[in-house]
Amino acid sequence: MNEPILELSGLTKVYSGGLKALDNVDLEIRRGEIFALLGPNGAGKTTLIGSVCGLVRPTGGSINAFGAGLDTTWRSARARIGLVPQEMATDMFETVWRAVSYSRGLFGLAPNKARIEEILRSLSLWDKRDAQIRELSGGMKRRVLIAKAMAHEPELLFLDEPTAGVDVELRKDMWRQIDEMRARGVTIILTTHYIEEAEEMADRVGIISKGRLLMVDEKAAMMTKLGLTEAHFALAAPLAQLPHELSRFSVELEKGGTSLRYRGGDGTGRGKAEVAELAKALVNAGIDFTGIDTRESSLEDIFVSLLGEEEVPA
């Protein structure tokens, strides 16, 4: 297991008025990983990022980055952290080249034209280097935000809803750029409400709601633990009722007895194996079927299920 690059312990933020944006959050981010933080609007994702990047003052808890507490090493640690915010916060009349170069100098790095050119080319911004930011499309402005965050060569990069408002083509292109950043050794924390984004890129996923971290796990492990397998067997002849041979399976008849639906594997990861066992049981019971349609839960199904449980009063 890679060493942690960021450790949050009991992180809490209560705003004036009593809104608890972060509620005792414990989280470790491993060096070199892509971590996706999923949650609805207002869940606390941006507050968490702001707490690490010095934009929000936490009410309680501690933040360790690069092996030391941020309360004593904030200035040196912040120079190693990059942030791509949701909103463009730069002079719209500035050129792309000057905006990105300024971000590098802001953290005390010497000018490096070759590095700025490399960043702009990697983000397909080189041809726009002399254009004013106000002249760019929304997708290109989003790329400028990433370029500005990369200019000082951070080791830890926060991407706060990086593809919000970006079309599918640009979104996929930015996924490739993020993967290339990770290949260069950058640790990436991505907040998003596009769940396919997490499914596509993340090594681990955290789900946050109402300031509380509901679950953190490897993406594949989360889908195994909480995912369901659903299978529909098209029966050759309708059944009036389920035979006792199938009583050990989580099944029910549908469509007037012409279809058998299985749903199972929740928490066991045995869904696929049980579908195979069910098929054998049907054959052994003399029940013919003409087809099987199988579907595995997506990360979105798990996300919706967890948030649904969160809404139920305790």
Protein backbone atom coordinates (compact mmCIF):
# COMPACT_ATOMS: atom_id res chain seq x y z
CA MET A 1 0.00 0.00 0.00
CA ASN A 2 1.27 3.47 -0.91
CA GLU A 3 2.02 5.87 1.94
CA PRO A 4 -0.63 8.52 2.66
CA ILE A 5 0.00 11.93 1.12
CA LEU A 6 -2.99 13.50 2.91
CA GLU A 7 -4.64 12.56 6.21
CA LEU A 8 -7.82 14.12 7.57
CA SER A 9 -8.81 13.30 11.14
CA GLY A 10 -12.11 14.40 12.66
CA LEU A 11 -12.38 17.26 10.17
CA THR A 12 -15.41 19.39 11.02
CA LYS A 13 -16.74 22.67 9.70
CA VAL A 14 -19.76 24.44 11.16
CA TYR A 15 -20.73 27.73 9.53
CA SER A 16 -22.37 30.61 11.38
CA GLY A 17 -26.04 29.79 11.55
CA GLY A 18 -25.34 26.20 12.52
CA LEU A 19 -24.88 24.55 9.11
CA LYS A 20 -22.53 21.59 9.58
CA ALA A 21 -20.77 21.30 6.22
CA LEU A 22 -18.25 18.67 7.42
CA ASP A 23 -19.07 16.24 10.20
CA ASN A 24 -16.06 14.48 11.76
CA VAL A 25 -14.49 13.35 8.46
CA ASP A 26 -11.63 10.82 8.61
CA LEU A 27 -9.86 10.17 5.31
CA GLU A 28 -6.47 9.03 4.03
CA ILE A 29 -5.36 9.70 0.46
CA ARG A 30 -2.61 7.45 -0.87
CA ARG A 31 0.30 8.84 -2.84
CA GLY A 32 -0.16 8.32 -6.59
CA GLU A 33 -3.85 7.41 -6.59
CA ILE A 34 -6.91 8.96 -8.19
CA PHE A 35 -9.56 9.36 -5.50
CA ALA A 36 -13.11 10.32 -6.45
CA LEU A 37 -15.31 12.03 -3.88
CA LEU A 38 -18.95 11.59 -4.86
CA GLY A 39 -21.88 13.45 -3.39
CA PRO A 40 -24.88 15.59 -4.27
CA ASN A 41 -24.73 19.38 -4.32
CA GLY A 42 -24.21 20.70 -0.80
CA ALA A 43 -22.72 17.45 0.47
CA GLY A 44 -19.48 19.09 1.67
CA LYS A 45 -17.13 18.28 -1.21
CA THR A 46 -16.02 21.86 -1.90
CA THR A 47 -15.75 22.65 1.82
CA LEU A 48 -13.41 19.68 2.26
CA ILE A 49 -11.20 20.90 -0.59
CA GLY A 50 -11.25 24.47 0.71
CA SER A 51 -10.15 23.25 4.14
CA VAL A 52 -7.03 21.60 2.70
CA CYS A 53 -6.25 24.46 0.32
CA GLY A 54 -6.54 27.18 2.97
CA LEU A 55 -9.76 28.70 1.63
CA VAL A 56 -11.89 27.49 4.57
CA ARG A 57 -10.94 27.45 8.25
CA PRO A 58 -12.10 24.15 9.81
CA THR A 59 -13.98 24.24 13.11
CA GLY A 60 -12.26 21.10 14.38
CA GLY A 61 -10.03 18.18 13.47
CA SER A 62 -6.60 18.03 11.90
CA ILE A 63 -5.07 17.95 8.40
CA ASN A 64 -1.71 16.33 7.69
CA ALA A 65 -0.16 16.71 4.26
CA PHE A 66 3.17 15.27 3.14
CA GLY A 67 3.70 13.85 6.62
CA ALA A 68 3.26 17.06 8.61
CA GLY A 69 0.41 19.08 10.10
CA LEU A 70 -0.89 21.88 7.90
CA ASP A 71 -1.26 24.15 10.91
CA THR A 72 2.55 24.44 11.12
CA THR A 73 3.63 23.82 7.50
CA TRP A 74 0.83 25.46 5.54
CA ARG A 75 2.94 27.73 3.32
CA SER A 76 5.40 25.05 2.18
CA ALA A 77 2.66 22.42 1.83
CA ARG A 78 0.38 24.70 -0.20
CA ALA A 79 3.15 25.16 -2.76
CA ARG A 80 2.93 21.39 -3.37
CA ILE A 81 -0.86 21.42 -3.81
CA GLY A 82 -2.76 22.36 -6.96
CA LEU A 83 -6.43 23.34 -7.16
CA VAL A 84 -8.76 23.44 -10.13
CA PRO A 85 -11.83 25.28 -8.76
CA GLN A 86 -15.34 25.12 -10.16
CA GLU A 87 -15.34 28.79 -11.14
CA MET A 88 -12.87 30.80 -13.19
CA ALA A 89 -11.13 33.26 -10.85
CA THR A 90 -8.72 35.14 -13.08
CA ASP A 91 -8.56 38.26 -15.24
CA MET A 92 -10.68 37.50 -18.31
CA PHE A 93 -8.66 40.03 -20.34
CA GLU A 94 -5.41 38.20 -19.56
CA THR A 95 -3.90 35.95 -22.22
CA VAL A 96 -3.66 32.22 -21.63
CA TRP A 97 0.14 32.34 -21.60
CA ARG A 98 0.37 35.14 -19.05
CA ALA A 99 -2.31 33.63 -16.78
CA VAL A 100 -0.56 30.25 -16.61
CA SER A 101 2.89 31.82 -16.23
CA TYR A 102 1.63 34.04 -13.40
CA SER A 103 0.33 31.00 -11.52
CA ARG A 104 3.80 29.46 -11.65
CA GLY A 105 5.44 32.60 -10.27
CA LEU A 106 2.78 32.92 -7.57
CA PHE A 107 4.32 29.91 -5.81
CA GLY A 108 7.88 31.17 -6.13
CA LEU A 109 9.03 29.04 -9.06
CA ALA A 110 11.42 30.51 -11.59
CA PRO A 111 10.08 31.18 -15.10
CA ASN A 112 10.20 28.10 -17.32
CA LYS A 113 8.90 28.72 -20.83
CA ALA A 114 9.53 25.12 -21.87
CA ARG A 115 7.41 23.78 -19.01
CA ILE A 116 4.56 26.22 -19.71
CA GLU A 117 4.64 25.23 -23.38
CA GLU A 118 4.55 21.55 -22.41
CA ILE A 119 1.50 22.11 -20.20
CA LEU A 120 -0.35 24.14 -22.83
CA ARG A 121 0.37 21.61 -25.56
CA SER A 122 -0.78 18.70 -23.36
CA LEU A 123 -4.10 20.47 -22.82
CA SER A 124 -4.54 21.49 -26.48
CA LEU A 125 -4.13 25.16 -25.51
CA TRP A 126 -0.94 25.98 -27.39
CA ASP A 127 -2.77 27.49 -30.36
CA LYS A 128 -4.73 29.68 -27.91
CA ARG A 129 -1.71 30.88 -25.92
CA ASP A 130 -2.06 34.50 -27.08
CA ALA A 131 -5.86 34.58 -26.85
CA GLN A 132 -7.59 36.44 -24.04
CA ILE A 133 -9.40 34.08 -21.68
CA ARG A 134 -12.71 35.84 -22.30
CA GLU A 135 -12.51 34.75 -25.95
CA LEU A 136 -12.38 31.04 -25.11
CA SER A 137 -15.19 28.50 -25.04
CA GLY A 138 -16.34 27.06 -21.72
CA GLY A 139 -14.37 23.86 -22.30
CA MET A 140 -11.20 25.78 -23.12
CA LYS A 141 -11.59 27.97 -20.03
CA ARG A 142 -11.80 24.77 -17.97
CA ARG A 143 -8.53 23.63 -19.55
CA VAL A 144 -6.94 26.95 -18.58
CA LEU A 145 -7.91 26.26 -14.96
CA ILE A 146 -6.12 22.91 -15.12
CA ALA A 147 -3.07 24.52 -16.78
CA LYS A 148 -2.90 27.16 -14.03
CA ALA A 149 -3.09 24.46 -11.36
CA MET A 150 -0.34 22.44 -13.04
CA ALA A 151 1.99 25.39 -13.61
CA HIS A 152 3.74 25.09 -10.24
CA GLU A 153 4.12 21.31 -10.64
CA PRO A 154 2.01 20.16 -7.66
CA GLU A 155 2.32 16.70 -6.13
CA LEU A 156 -1.30 16.73 -4.96
CA LEU A 157 -4.00 18.06 -7.28
CA PHE A 158 -7.63 18.82 -6.39
CA LEU A 159 -10.14 18.89 -9.24
CA ASP A 160 -13.45 20.34 -8.05
CA GLU A 161 -16.11 19.32 -10.58
CA PRO A 162 -13.58 19.67 -13.44
CA THR A 163 -15.97 18.69 -16.22
CA ALA A 164 -19.12 20.48 -15.05
CA GLY A 165 -20.75 22.08 -18.07
CA VAL A 166 -18.33 20.41 -20.49
CA ASP A 167 -19.64 18.36 -23.40
CA VAL A 168 -19.01 14.60 -23.58
CA GLU A 169 -16.19 14.89 -26.12
CA LEU A 170 -14.24 17.39 -24.02
CA ARG A 171 -14.98 15.40 -20.88
CA LYS A 172 -13.37 12.28 -22.32
CA ASP A 173 -10.38 14.32 -23.49
CA MET A 174 -9.93 15.71 -19.99
CA TRP A 175 -10.14 12.20 -18.53
CA ARG A 176 -7.13 11.35 -20.70
CA GLN A 177 -5.29 14.41 -19.42
CA ILE A 178 -6.00 13.43 -15.82
CA ASP A 179 -4.70 9.94 -16.48
CA GLU A 180 -1.50 11.42 -17.92
CA MET A 181 -1.06 13.57 -14.79
CA ARG A 182 -1.30 10.47 -12.64
CA ALA A 183 1.28 8.76 -14.87
CA ARG A 184 3.65 11.65 -14.04
CA GLY A 185 3.20 10.87 -10.34
CA VAL A 186 0.55 13.43 -9.39
CA THR A 187 -1.96 12.35 -6.75
CA ILE A 188 -5.45 13.46 -7.78
CA ILE A 189 -8.58 14.07 -5.71
CA LEU A 190 -11.59 14.53 -7.94
CA THR A 191 -15.01 15.73 -6.81
CA THR A 192 -17.83 15.05 -9.19
CA HIS A 193 -21.51 14.31 -9.51
CA TYR A 194 -20.89 12.60 -12.86
CA ILE A 195 -20.71 9.08 -11.51
CA GLU A 196 -19.40 7.64 -14.78
CA GLU A 197 -16.39 9.89 -14.26
CA ALA A 198 -15.52 8.08 -11.03
CA GLU A 199 -16.26 4.72 -12.60
CA GLU A 200 -13.95 5.52 -15.51
CA MET A 201 -10.94 6.86 -13.65
CA ALA A 202 -10.87 6.41 -9.89
CA ASP A 203 -8.84 3.85 -7.94
CA ARG A 204 -10.91 4.49 -4.81
CA VAL A 205 -14.23 6.16 -4.21
CA GLY A 206 -15.64 8.04 -1.23
CA ILE A 207 -19.32 8.88 -0.88
CA ILE A 208 -20.22 11.97 1.15
CA SER A 209 -23.64 13.29 2.12
CA LYS A 210 -24.62 16.08 4.51
CA GLY A 211 -20.99 16.48 5.53
CA ARG A 212 -20.55 12.84 6.57
CA LEU A 213 -18.36 10.35 4.76
CA LEU A 214 -20.66 7.36 4.27
CA MET A 215 -18.17 4.97 2.71
CA VAL A 216 -14.64 4.80 1.31
CA ASP A 217 -13.33 1.78 -0.58
CA GLU A 218 -11.56 0.51 -3.67
CA LYS A 219 -13.93 1.00 -6.58
CA ALA A 220 -14.02 -2.69 -7.50
CA ALA A 221 -14.41 -3.76 -3.86
CA MET A 222 -17.29 -1.33 -3.35
CA MET A 223 -19.10 -2.70 -6.38
CA THR A 224 -18.51 -6.27 -5.18
CA LYS A 225 -19.66 -5.60 -1.62
CA LEU A 226 -22.70 -3.48 -2.38
CA GLY A 227 -23.50 -4.41 -5.96
CA LEU A 228 -26.42 -6.57 -7.00
CA THR A 229 -26.64 -9.04 -9.85
CA GLU A 230 -29.98 -9.07 -11.63
CA ALA A 231 -30.87 -11.82 -14.10
CA HIS A 232 -34.01 -12.47 -16.11
CA PHE A 233 -34.69 -15.98 -17.39
CA ALA A 234 -37.13 -16.17 -20.32
CA LEU A 235 -39.07 -19.36 -19.63
CA ALA A 236 -40.10 -21.67 -22.47
CA ALA A 237 -43.48 -22.27 -20.79
CA PRO A 238 -45.20 -20.19 -18.10
CA LEU A 239 -45.10 -21.30 -14.48
CA ALA A 240 -48.07 -20.95 -12.15
CA GLN A 241 -45.81 -20.94 -9.08
CA LEU A 242 -42.20 -21.42 -8.08
CA PRO A 243 -41.15 -25.02 -7.46
CA HIS A 244 -39.61 -25.80 -4.06
CA GLU A 245 -36.25 -26.54 -5.75
CA LEU A 246 -35.82 -22.79 -6.27
CA SER A 247 -36.74 -21.73 -2.72
CA ARG A 248 -33.09 -21.09 -1.77
CA PHE A 249 -32.72 -18.45 -4.48
CA SER A 250 -33.87 -14.83 -4.40
CA VAL A 251 -36.27 -15.16 -7.33
CA GLU A 252 -39.81 -14.25 -8.35
CA LEU A 253 -42.03 -14.80 -11.33
CA GLU A 254 -42.88 -11.94 -13.67
CA LYS A 255 -44.87 -11.32 -16.87
CA GLY A 256 -47.58 -13.84 -16.10
CA GLY A 257 -45.11 -16.55 -15.16
CA THR A 258 -43.15 -16.35 -18.43
CA SER A 259 -40.08 -14.69 -16.85
CA LEU A 260 -38.08 -15.52 -13.74
CA ARG A 261 -36.21 -12.65 -12.10
CA TYR A 262 -33.20 -13.16 -9.82
CA ARG A 263 -31.73 -10.39 -7.65
CA GLY A 264 -28.92 -11.21 -5.28
CA GLY A 265 -25.26 -11.10 -4.40
CA ASP A 266 -25.67 -8.03 -2.18
CA GLY A 267 -22.74 -7.97 0.24
CA THR A 268 -21.39 -11.32 -0.92
CA GLY A 269 -20.11 -10.75 -4.46
CA ARG A 270 -21.60 -14.16 -5.38
CA GLY A 271 -24.27 -12.89 -7.76
CA LYS A 272 -22.78 -14.32 -10.94
CA ALA A 273 -22.07 -17.68 -9.30
CA GLU A 274 -25.64 -17.86 -8.00
CA VAL A 275 -27.04 -17.14 -11.47
CA ALA A 276 -25.05 -20.14 -12.77
CA GLU A 277 -26.33 -22.28 -9.89
CA LEU A 278 -29.89 -21.13 -10.60
CA ALA A 279 -29.55 -22.10 -14.26
CA LYS A 280 -28.47 -25.61 -13.20
CA ALA A 281 -31.36 -25.84 -10.72
CA LEU A 282 -33.83 -24.94 -13.46
CA VAL A 283 -32.44 -27.65 -15.73
CA ASN A 284 -32.53 -30.19 -12.91
CA ALA A 285 -36.14 -29.26 -12.15
CA GLY A 286 -37.08 -29.77 -15.82
CA ILE A 287 -37.83 -26.10 -16.41
CA ASP A 288 -36.73 -24.97 -19.87
CA PHE A 289 -35.63 -21.40 -20.56
CA THR A 290 -34.82 -19.72 -23.86
CA GLY A 291 -32.50 -16.93 -22.71
CA ILE A 292 -30.81 -15.18 -19.81
CA ASP A 293 -30.33 -11.42 -19.50
CA THR A 294 -27.84 -10.52 -16.73
CA ARG A 295 -26.99 -7.07 -15.39
CA GLU A 296 -24.52 -5.97 -12.69
CA SER A 297 -25.07 -2.93 -10.49
CA SER A 298 -23.24 0.17 -11.58
CA LEU A 299 -21.49 2.57 -9.24
CA GLU A 300 -24.48 4.86 -9.79
CA ASP A 301 -26.88 2.21 -8.44
CA ILE A 302 -24.73 1.91 -5.30
CA PHE A 303 -24.49 5.69 -4.93
CA VAL A 304 -28.26 6.15 -5.21
CA SER A 305 -28.87 3.27 -2.79
CA LEU A 306 -26.52 4.71 -0.16
CA LEU A 307 -28.01 8.18 -0.44
CA GLY A 308 -31.48 6.68 -0.23
CA GLU A 309 -30.59 4.95 3.04
CA GLU A 310 -29.13 8.23 4.30
CA GLU A 311 -32.51 9.94 3.82
CA VAL A 312 -34.31 7.40 6.02
CA PRO A 313 -34.72 8.76 9.60
CA ALA A 314 -32.80 6.80 12.23
